[in-house]
Amino acid sequence: MGVKLDRLLRRTSRKHPLPFMQLPLNGNDYRGIPTMVCPCGCDMFIMLAKFDDDRLPGWFALDGVCAACGALVSLPCPADKDGEW
């Protein structure tokens, strides 16, 4: 377990502005390619968003957490629709 945690800490050595996004809850970090479904099969994510005055999302972070397994994932945005990431 020590070796796996050591590798994980080295891979996530850069600081994330949100402390809970530095280390995945279950050890899996799938960030890098935007996805609408976690590899575990779940399509619900915990994300950080800011709403405009008209109650629409005005901003959201592209890092998310799978609601089922706790893995870190990259969330899609409208620019990803055409696959140009």
PDB file of N, CA and C in Angstrom:
ATOM      1  N   MET A   1       0.821  -1.191   0.000  1.00  0.00           N
ATOM      2  CA  MET A   1       0.000   0.000   0.000  1.00  0.00           C
ATOM      3  C   MET A   1       0.865   1.255   0.000  1.00  0.00           C
ATOM      4  N   GLY A   2       1.998   1.221   0.686  1.00  0.00           N
ATOM      5  CA  GLY A   2       2.871   2.375   0.752  1.00  0.00           C
ATOM      6  C   GLY A   2       3.418   2.788  -0.601  1.00  0.00           C
ATOM      7  N   VAL A   3       3.775   1.794  -1.438  1.00  0.00           N
ATOM      8  CA  VAL A   3       4.324   2.089  -2.762  1.00  0.00           C
ATOM      9  C   VAL A   3       3.251   2.712  -3.642  1.00  0.00           C
ATOM     10  N   LYS A   4       2.034   2.176  -3.606  1.00  0.00           N
ATOM     11  CA  LYS A   4       0.944   2.714  -4.421  1.00  0.00           C
ATOM     12  C   LYS A   4       0.632   4.154  -4.012  1.00  0.00           C
ATOM     13  N   LEU A   5       0.565   4.429  -2.720  1.00  0.00           N
ATOM     14  CA  LEU A   5       0.301   5.781  -2.244  1.00  0.00           C
ATOM     15  C   LEU A   5       1.434   6.715  -2.623  1.00  0.00           C
ATOM     16  N   ASP A   6       2.680   6.249  -2.552  1.00  0.00           N
ATOM     17  CA  ASP A   6       3.824   7.069  -2.921  1.00  0.00           C
ATOM     18  C   ASP A   6       3.750   7.461  -4.398  1.00  0.00           C
ATOM     19  N   ARG A   7       3.412   6.500  -5.270  1.00  0.00           N
ATOM     20  CA  ARG A   7       3.267   6.807  -6.701  1.00  0.00           C
ATOM     21  C   ARG A   7       2.139   7.806  -6.935  1.00  0.00           C
ATOM     22  N   LEU A   8       1.045   7.622  -6.228  1.00  0.00           N
ATOM     23  CA  LEU A   8      -0.096   8.521  -6.366  1.00  0.00           C
ATOM     24  C   LEU A   8       0.272   9.932  -5.929  1.00  0.00           C
ATOM     25  N   LEU A   9       0.988  10.067  -4.839  1.00  0.00           N
ATOM     26  CA  LEU A   9       1.393  11.383  -4.360  1.00  0.00           C
ATOM     27  C   LEU A   9       2.353  12.050  -5.330  1.00  0.00           C
ATOM     28  N   ARG A  10       3.265  11.276  -5.933  1.00  0.00           N
ATOM     29  CA  ARG A  10       4.180  11.859  -6.915  1.00  0.00           C
ATOM     30  C   ARG A  10       3.418  12.337  -8.136  1.00  0.00           C
ATOM     31  N   ARG A  11       2.425  11.555  -8.576  1.00  0.00           N
ATOM     32  CA  ARG A  11       1.652  11.907  -9.764  1.00  0.00           C
ATOM     33  C   ARG A  11       0.789  13.136  -9.521  1.00  0.00           C
ATOM     34  N   THR A  12       0.357  13.354  -8.293  1.00  0.00           N
ATOM     35  CA  THR A  12      -0.503  14.491  -7.975  1.00  0.00           C
ATOM     36  C   THR A  12       0.253  15.534  -7.164  1.00  0.00           C
ATOM     37  N   SER A  13       1.533  15.714  -7.465  1.00  0.00           N
ATOM     38  CA  SER A  13       2.348  16.623  -6.677  1.00  0.00           C
ATOM     39  C   SER A  13       1.955  18.082  -6.885  1.00  0.00           C
ATOM     40  N   ARG A  14       1.350  18.407  -8.011  1.00  0.00           N
ATOM     41  CA  ARG A  14       0.930  19.790  -8.200  1.00  0.00           C
ATOM     42  C   ARG A  14      -0.286  20.070  -7.319  1.00  0.00           C
ATOM     43  N   LYS A  15      -0.349  21.257  -6.792  1.00  0.00           N
ATOM     44  CA  LYS A  15      -1.429  21.641  -5.881  1.00  0.00           C
ATOM     45  C   LYS A  15      -2.688  21.983  -6.682  1.00  0.00           C
ATOM     46  N   HIS A  16      -3.798  21.533  -6.204  1.00  0.00           N
ATOM     47  CA  HIS A  16      -5.089  21.854  -6.796  1.00  0.00           C
ATOM     48  C   HIS A  16      -5.732  22.918  -5.920  1.00  0.00           C
ATOM     49  N   PRO A  17      -6.431  23.887  -6.511  1.00  0.00           N
ATOM     50  CA  PRO A  17      -7.049  24.921  -5.684  1.00  0.00           C
ATOM     51  C   PRO A  17      -8.116  24.381  -4.734  1.00  0.00           C
ATOM     52  N   LEU A  18      -8.662  23.214  -5.029  1.00  0.00           N
ATOM     53  CA  LEU A  18      -9.647  22.582  -4.160  1.00  0.00           C
ATOM     54  C   LEU A  18      -8.994  21.382  -3.493  1.00  0.00           C
ATOM     55  N   PRO A  19      -8.744  21.438  -2.203  1.00  0.00           N
ATOM     56  CA  PRO A  19      -8.006  20.357  -1.527  1.00  0.00           C
ATOM     57  C   PRO A  19      -8.600  18.967  -1.735  1.00  0.00           C
ATOM     58  N   PHE A  20      -9.924  18.846  -1.814  1.00  0.00           N
ATOM     59  CA  PHE A  20     -10.506  17.520  -1.978  1.00  0.00           C
ATOM     60  C   PHE A  20     -10.281  16.952  -3.376  1.00  0.00           C
ATOM     61  N   MET A  21      -9.759  17.766  -4.297  1.00  0.00           N
ATOM     62  CA  MET A  21      -9.465  17.291  -5.647  1.00  0.00           C
ATOM     63  C   MET A  21      -8.012  16.868  -5.810  1.00  0.00           C
ATOM     64  N   GLN A  22      -7.198  16.961  -4.763  1.00  0.00           N
ATOM     65  CA  GLN A  22      -5.790  16.587  -4.894  1.00  0.00           C
ATOM     66  C   GLN A  22      -5.615  15.085  -4.965  1.00  0.00           C
ATOM     67  N   LEU A  23      -6.342  14.343  -4.153  1.00  0.00           N
ATOM     68  CA  LEU A  23      -6.232  12.888  -4.144  1.00  0.00           C
ATOM     69  C   LEU A  23      -7.606  12.275  -4.345  1.00  0.00           C
ATOM     70  N   PRO A  24      -7.733  11.293  -5.237  1.00  0.00           N
ATOM     71  CA  PRO A  24      -9.025  10.645  -5.439  1.00  0.00           C
ATOM     72  C   PRO A  24      -9.449   9.853  -4.212  1.00  0.00           C
ATOM     73  N   LEU A  25     -10.753   9.755  -3.997  1.00  0.00           N
ATOM     74  CA  LEU A  25     -11.276   9.046  -2.836  1.00  0.00           C
ATOM     75  C   LEU A  25     -10.989   7.552  -2.899  1.00  0.00           C
ATOM     76  N   ASN A  26     -10.957   6.994  -4.106  1.00  0.00           N
ATOM     77  CA  ASN A  26     -10.754   5.549  -4.244  1.00  0.00           C
ATOM     78  C   ASN A  26      -9.404   5.192  -4.865  1.00  0.00           C
ATOM     79  N   GLY A  27      -8.550   6.176  -5.101  1.00  0.00           N
ATOM     80  CA  GLY A  27      -7.242   5.900  -5.688  1.00  0.00           C
ATOM     81  C   GLY A  27      -7.195   6.009  -7.201  1.00  0.00           C
ATOM     82  N   ASN A  28      -8.352   6.208  -7.864  1.00  0.00           N
ATOM     83  CA  ASN A  28      -8.382   6.290  -9.325  1.00  0.00           C
ATOM     84  C   ASN A  28      -8.464   7.740  -9.780  1.00  0.00           C
ATOM     85  N   ASP A  29      -7.571   8.109 -10.690  1.00  0.00           N
ATOM     86  CA  ASP A  29      -7.525   9.461 -11.232  1.00  0.00           C
ATOM     87  C   ASP A  29      -7.608   9.354 -12.748  1.00  0.00           C
ATOM     88  N   TYR A  30      -8.776   9.633 -13.310  1.00  0.00           N
ATOM     89  CA  TYR A  30      -9.006   9.514 -14.751  1.00  0.00           C
ATOM     90  C   TYR A  30      -9.009  10.874 -15.440  1.00  0.00           C
ATOM     91  N   ARG A  31      -8.439  11.890 -14.802  1.00  0.00           N
ATOM     92  CA  ARG A  31      -8.431  13.218 -15.419  1.00  0.00           C
ATOM     93  C   ARG A  31      -7.521  13.238 -16.639  1.00  0.00           C
ATOM     94  N   GLY A  32      -7.894  14.077 -17.597  1.00  0.00           N
ATOM     95  CA  GLY A  32      -7.081  14.236 -18.800  1.00  0.00           C
ATOM     96  C   GLY A  32      -7.924  14.262 -20.053  1.00  0.00           C
ATOM     97  N   ILE A  33      -8.864  13.362 -20.181  1.00  0.00           N
ATOM     98  CA  ILE A  33      -9.767  13.329 -21.334  1.00  0.00           C
ATOM     99  C   ILE A  33     -11.184  13.562 -20.817  1.00  0.00           C
ATOM    100  N   PRO A  34     -11.862  14.612 -21.281  1.00  0.00           N
ATOM    101  CA  PRO A  34     -13.216  14.885 -20.806  1.00  0.00           C
ATOM    102  C   PRO A  34     -14.148  13.704 -21.060  1.00  0.00           C
ATOM    103  N   THR A  35     -14.965  13.387 -20.083  1.00  0.00           N
ATOM    104  CA  THR A  35     -15.849  12.240 -20.204  1.00  0.00           C
ATOM    105  C   THR A  35     -17.222  12.551 -19.631  1.00  0.00           C
ATOM    106  N   MET A  36     -18.240  11.901 -20.171  1.00  0.00           N
ATOM    107  CA  MET A  36     -19.593  12.045 -19.652  1.00  0.00           C
ATOM    108  C   MET A  36     -19.997  10.834 -18.828  1.00  0.00           C
ATOM    109  N   VAL A  37     -19.154   9.783 -18.828  1.00  0.00           N
ATOM    110  CA  VAL A  37     -19.414   8.564 -18.063  1.00  0.00           C
ATOM    111  C   VAL A  37     -18.099   8.107 -17.444  1.00  0.00           C
ATOM    112  N   CYS A  38     -18.114   7.858 -16.145  1.00  0.00           N
ATOM    113  CA  CYS A  38     -16.933   7.349 -15.458  1.00  0.00           C
ATOM    114  C   CYS A  38     -16.660   5.918 -15.920  1.00  0.00           C
ATOM    115  N   PRO A  39     -15.415   5.465 -15.900  1.00  0.00           N
ATOM    116  CA  PRO A  39     -15.133   4.067 -16.247  1.00  0.00           C
ATOM    117  C   PRO A  39     -15.921   3.050 -15.420  1.00  0.00           C
ATOM    118  N   CYS A  40     -16.415   3.445 -14.238  1.00  0.00           N
ATOM    119  CA  CYS A  40     -17.219   2.515 -13.433  1.00  0.00           C
ATOM    120  C   CYS A  40     -18.640   2.390 -13.981  1.00  0.00           C
ATOM    121  N   GLY A  41     -19.025   3.267 -14.918  1.00  0.00           N
ATOM    122  CA  GLY A  41     -20.350   3.216 -15.527  1.00  0.00           C
ATOM    123  C   GLY A  41     -21.306   4.290 -15.035  1.00  0.00           C
ATOM    124  N   CYS A  42     -20.929   5.020 -14.020  1.00  0.00           N
ATOM    125  CA  CYS A  42     -21.795   6.061 -13.453  1.00  0.00           C
ATOM    126  C   CYS A  42     -21.735   7.325 -14.318  1.00  0.00           C
ATOM    127  N   ASP A  43     -22.877   7.985 -14.491  1.00  0.00           N
ATOM    128  CA  ASP A  43     -22.907   9.227 -15.265  1.00  0.00           C
ATOM    129  C   ASP A  43     -23.304  10.434 -14.409  1.00  0.00           C
ATOM    130  N   MET A  44     -23.123  10.325 -13.095  1.00  0.00           N
ATOM    131  CA  MET A  44     -23.383  11.449 -12.188  1.00  0.00           C
ATOM    132  C   MET A  44     -22.075  11.858 -11.520  1.00  0.00           C
ATOM    133  N   PHE A  45     -21.846  13.186 -11.463  1.00  0.00           N
ATOM    134  CA  PHE A  45     -20.593  13.706 -10.929  1.00  0.00           C
ATOM    135  C   PHE A  45     -20.841  14.808  -9.913  1.00  0.00           C
ATOM    136  N   ILE A  46     -19.915  14.948  -8.984  1.00  0.00           N
ATOM    137  CA  ILE A  46     -19.913  16.066  -8.057  1.00  0.00           C
ATOM    138  C   ILE A  46     -19.004  17.115  -8.678  1.00  0.00           C
ATOM    139  N   MET A  47     -19.527  18.323  -8.846  1.00  0.00           N
ATOM    140  CA  MET A  47     -18.752  19.367  -9.511  1.00  0.00           C
ATOM    141  C   MET A  47     -18.914  20.692  -8.788  1.00  0.00           C
ATOM    142  N   LEU A  48     -18.013  21.609  -9.083  1.00  0.00           N
ATOM    143  CA  LEU A  48     -18.044  22.944  -8.516  1.00  0.00           C
ATOM    144  C   LEU A  48     -18.592  23.886  -9.580  1.00  0.00           C
ATOM    145  N   ALA A  49     -19.632  24.640  -9.247  1.00  0.00           N
ATOM    146  CA  ALA A  49     -20.246  25.551 -10.215  1.00  0.00           C
ATOM    147  C   ALA A  49     -20.584  26.877  -9.550  1.00  0.00           C
ATOM    148  N   LYS A  50     -20.641  27.919 -10.383  1.00  0.00           N
ATOM    149  CA  LYS A  50     -21.071  29.249  -9.944  1.00  0.00           C
ATOM    150  C   LYS A  50     -22.230  29.640 -10.845  1.00  0.00           C
ATOM    151  N   PHE A  51     -23.297  30.149 -10.252  1.00  0.00           N
ATOM    152  CA  PHE A  51     -24.479  30.500 -11.021  1.00  0.00           C
ATOM    153  C   PHE A  51     -24.558  32.005 -11.255  1.00  0.00           C
ATOM    154  N   ASP A  52     -25.073  32.358 -12.448  1.00  0.00           N
ATOM    155  CA  ASP A  52     -25.318  33.758 -12.777  1.00  0.00           C
ATOM    156  C   ASP A  52     -26.599  34.222 -12.099  1.00  0.00           C
ATOM    157  N   ASP A  53     -26.913  35.508 -12.258  1.00  0.00           N
ATOM    158  CA  ASP A  53     -28.127  36.062 -11.665  1.00  0.00           C
ATOM    159  C   ASP A  53     -29.400  35.429 -12.231  1.00  0.00           C
ATOM    160  N   ASP A  54     -29.333  34.927 -13.463  1.00  0.00           N
ATOM    161  CA  ASP A  54     -30.528  34.310 -14.066  1.00  0.00           C
ATOM    162  C   ASP A  54     -30.607  32.806 -13.779  1.00  0.00           C
ATOM    163  N   ARG A  55     -29.836  32.340 -12.779  1.00  0.00           N
ATOM    164  CA  ARG A  55     -29.851  30.965 -12.270  1.00  0.00           C
ATOM    165  C   ARG A  55     -29.328  29.927 -13.258  1.00  0.00           C
ATOM    166  N   LEU A  56     -28.563  30.340 -14.224  1.00  0.00           N
ATOM    167  CA  LEU A  56     -27.905  29.417 -15.144  1.00  0.00           C
ATOM    168  C   LEU A  56     -26.444  29.301 -14.739  1.00  0.00           C
ATOM    169  N   PRO A  57     -25.825  28.150 -14.975  1.00  0.00           N
ATOM    170  CA  PRO A  57     -24.397  28.029 -14.638  1.00  0.00           C
ATOM    171  C   PRO A  57     -23.568  29.023 -15.445  1.00  0.00           C
ATOM    172  N   GLY A  58     -22.870  29.873 -14.748  1.00  0.00           N
ATOM    173  CA  GLY A  58     -22.027  30.855 -15.415  1.00  0.00           C
ATOM    174  C   GLY A  58     -20.581  30.392 -15.494  1.00  0.00           C
ATOM    175  N   TRP A  59     -20.234  29.452 -14.624  1.00  0.00           N
ATOM    176  CA  TRP A  59     -18.862  28.941 -14.577  1.00  0.00           C
ATOM    177  C   TRP A  59     -18.891  27.597 -13.868  1.00  0.00           C
ATOM    178  N   PHE A  60     -18.034  26.674 -14.303  1.00  0.00           N
ATOM    179  CA  PHE A  60     -17.868  25.433 -13.554  1.00  0.00           C
ATOM    180  C   PHE A  60     -16.460  24.903 -13.752  1.00  0.00           C
ATOM    181  N   ALA A  61     -15.976  24.199 -12.733  1.00  0.00           N
ATOM    182  CA  ALA A  61     -14.638  23.611 -12.798  1.00  0.00           C
ATOM    183  C   ALA A  61     -14.677  22.380 -13.686  1.00  0.00           C
ATOM    184  N   LEU A  62     -13.601  22.113 -14.393  1.00  0.00           N
ATOM    185  CA  LEU A  62     -13.551  20.966 -15.293  1.00  0.00           C
ATOM    186  C   LEU A  62     -13.089  19.686 -14.605  1.00  0.00           C
ATOM    187  N   ASP A  63     -12.751  19.772 -13.324  1.00  0.00           N
ATOM    188  CA  ASP A  63     -12.447  18.577 -12.537  1.00  0.00           C
ATOM    189  C   ASP A  63     -13.702  18.188 -11.776  1.00  0.00           C
ATOM    190  N   GLY A  64     -13.994  16.903 -11.740  1.00  0.00           N
ATOM    191  CA  GLY A  64     -15.156  16.421 -11.012  1.00  0.00           C
ATOM    192  C   GLY A  64     -14.845  15.128 -10.290  1.00  0.00           C
ATOM    193  N   VAL A  65     -15.784  14.699  -9.467  1.00  0.00           N
ATOM    194  CA  VAL A  65     -15.661  13.456  -8.710  1.00  0.00           C
ATOM    195  C   VAL A  65     -16.853  12.580  -9.072  1.00  0.00           C
ATOM    196  N   CYS A  66     -16.603  11.312  -9.386  1.00  0.00           N
ATOM    197  CA  CYS A  66     -17.673  10.375  -9.685  1.00  0.00           C
ATOM    198  C   CYS A  66     -18.533  10.196  -8.438  1.00  0.00           C
ATOM    199  N   ALA A  67     -19.858  10.294  -8.604  1.00  0.00           N
ATOM    200  CA  ALA A  67     -20.767  10.168  -7.462  1.00  0.00           C
ATOM    201  C   ALA A  67     -20.834   8.735  -6.940  1.00  0.00           C
ATOM    202  N   ALA A  68     -20.455   7.752  -7.751  1.00  0.00           N
ATOM    203  CA  ALA A  68     -20.549   6.353  -7.327  1.00  0.00           C
ATOM    204  C   ALA A  68     -19.248   5.842  -6.710  1.00  0.00           C
ATOM    205  N   CYS A  69     -18.128   6.047  -7.401  1.00  0.00           N
ATOM    206  CA  CYS A  69     -16.883   5.424  -6.936  1.00  0.00           C
ATOM    207  C   CYS A  69     -15.872   6.409  -6.357  1.00  0.00           C
ATOM    208  N   GLY A  70     -16.070   7.722  -6.552  1.00  0.00           N
ATOM    209  CA  GLY A  70     -15.159   8.709  -5.987  1.00  0.00           C
ATOM    210  C   GLY A  70     -13.926   8.996  -6.813  1.00  0.00           C
ATOM    211  N   ALA A  71     -13.851   8.470  -8.030  1.00  0.00           N
ATOM    212  CA  ALA A  71     -12.699   8.721  -8.891  1.00  0.00           C
ATOM    213  C   ALA A  71     -12.704  10.162  -9.382  1.00  0.00           C
ATOM    214  N   LEU A  72     -11.520  10.723  -9.617  1.00  0.00           N
ATOM    215  CA  LEU A  72     -11.408  12.044 -10.209  1.00  0.00           C
ATOM    216  C   LEU A  72     -11.514  11.921 -11.717  1.00  0.00           C
ATOM    217  N   VAL A  73     -12.292  12.805 -12.337  1.00  0.00           N
ATOM    218  CA  VAL A  73     -12.484  12.784 -13.789  1.00  0.00           C
ATOM    219  C   VAL A  73     -12.420  14.207 -14.320  1.00  0.00           C
ATOM    220  N   SER A  74     -12.198  14.329 -15.623  1.00  0.00           N
ATOM    221  CA  SER A  74     -12.288  15.612 -16.308  1.00  0.00           C
ATOM    222  C   SER A  74     -13.690  15.722 -16.889  1.00  0.00           C
ATOM    223  N   LEU A  75     -14.383  16.798 -16.546  1.00  0.00           N
ATOM    224  CA  LEU A  75     -15.748  17.001 -17.024  1.00  0.00           C
ATOM    225  C   LEU A  75     -15.740  17.670 -18.391  1.00  0.00           C
ATOM    226  N   PRO A  76     -16.733  17.372 -19.223  1.00  0.00           N
ATOM    227  CA  PRO A  76     -16.793  17.995 -20.541  1.00  0.00           C
ATOM    228  C   PRO A  76     -17.351  19.425 -20.452  1.00  0.00           C
ATOM    229  N   CYS A  77     -17.053  20.195 -21.471  1.00  0.00           N
ATOM    230  CA  CYS A  77     -17.622  21.551 -21.607  1.00  0.00           C
ATOM    231  C   CYS A  77     -18.132  21.664 -23.051  1.00  0.00           C
ATOM    232  N   PRO A  78     -18.875  22.706 -23.387  1.00  0.00           N
ATOM    233  CA  PRO A  78     -19.417  22.818 -24.752  1.00  0.00           C
ATOM    234  C   PRO A  78     -18.353  22.726 -25.844  1.00  0.00           C
ATOM    235  N   ALA A  79     -17.152  23.203 -25.600  1.00  0.00           N
ATOM    236  CA  ALA A  79     -16.092  23.143 -26.614  1.00  0.00           C
ATOM    237  C   ALA A  79     -15.691  21.688 -26.915  1.00  0.00           C
ATOM    238  N   ASP A  80     -15.963  20.747 -26.019  1.00  0.00           N
ATOM    239  CA  ASP A  80     -15.603  19.342 -26.208  1.00  0.00           C
ATOM    240  C   ASP A  80     -16.592  18.607 -27.103  1.00  0.00           C
ATOM    241  N   LYS A  81     -17.705  19.242 -27.452  1.00  0.00           N
ATOM    242  CA  LYS A  81     -18.750  18.566 -28.208  1.00  0.00           C
ATOM    243  C   LYS A  81     -18.236  18.012 -29.532  1.00  0.00           C
ATOM    244  N   ASP A  82     -17.375  18.761 -30.193  1.00  0.00           N
ATOM    245  CA  ASP A  82     -16.834  18.321 -31.476  1.00  0.00           C
ATOM    246  C   ASP A  82     -15.580  17.476 -31.335  1.00  0.00           C
ATOM    247  N   GLY A  83     -15.201  17.161 -30.112  1.00  0.00           N
ATOM    248  CA  GLY A  83     -14.027  16.336 -29.883  1.00  0.00           C
ATOM    249  C   GLY A  83     -12.715  17.068 -30.052  1.00  0.00           C
ATOM    250  N   GLU A  84     -12.745  18.400 -30.023  1.00  0.00           N
ATOM    251  CA  GLU A  84     -11.522  19.177 -30.198  1.00  0.00           C
ATOM    252  C   GLU A  84     -10.931  19.548 -28.848  1.00  0.00           C
ATOM    253  N   TRP A  85     -10.395  18.593 -28.133  1.00  0.00           N
ATOM    254  CA  TRP A  85      -9.741  18.866 -26.865  1.00  0.00           C
ATOM    255  C   TRP A  85      -8.322  18.487 -27.026  1.00  0.00           C
TER     256      TRP A  85
END
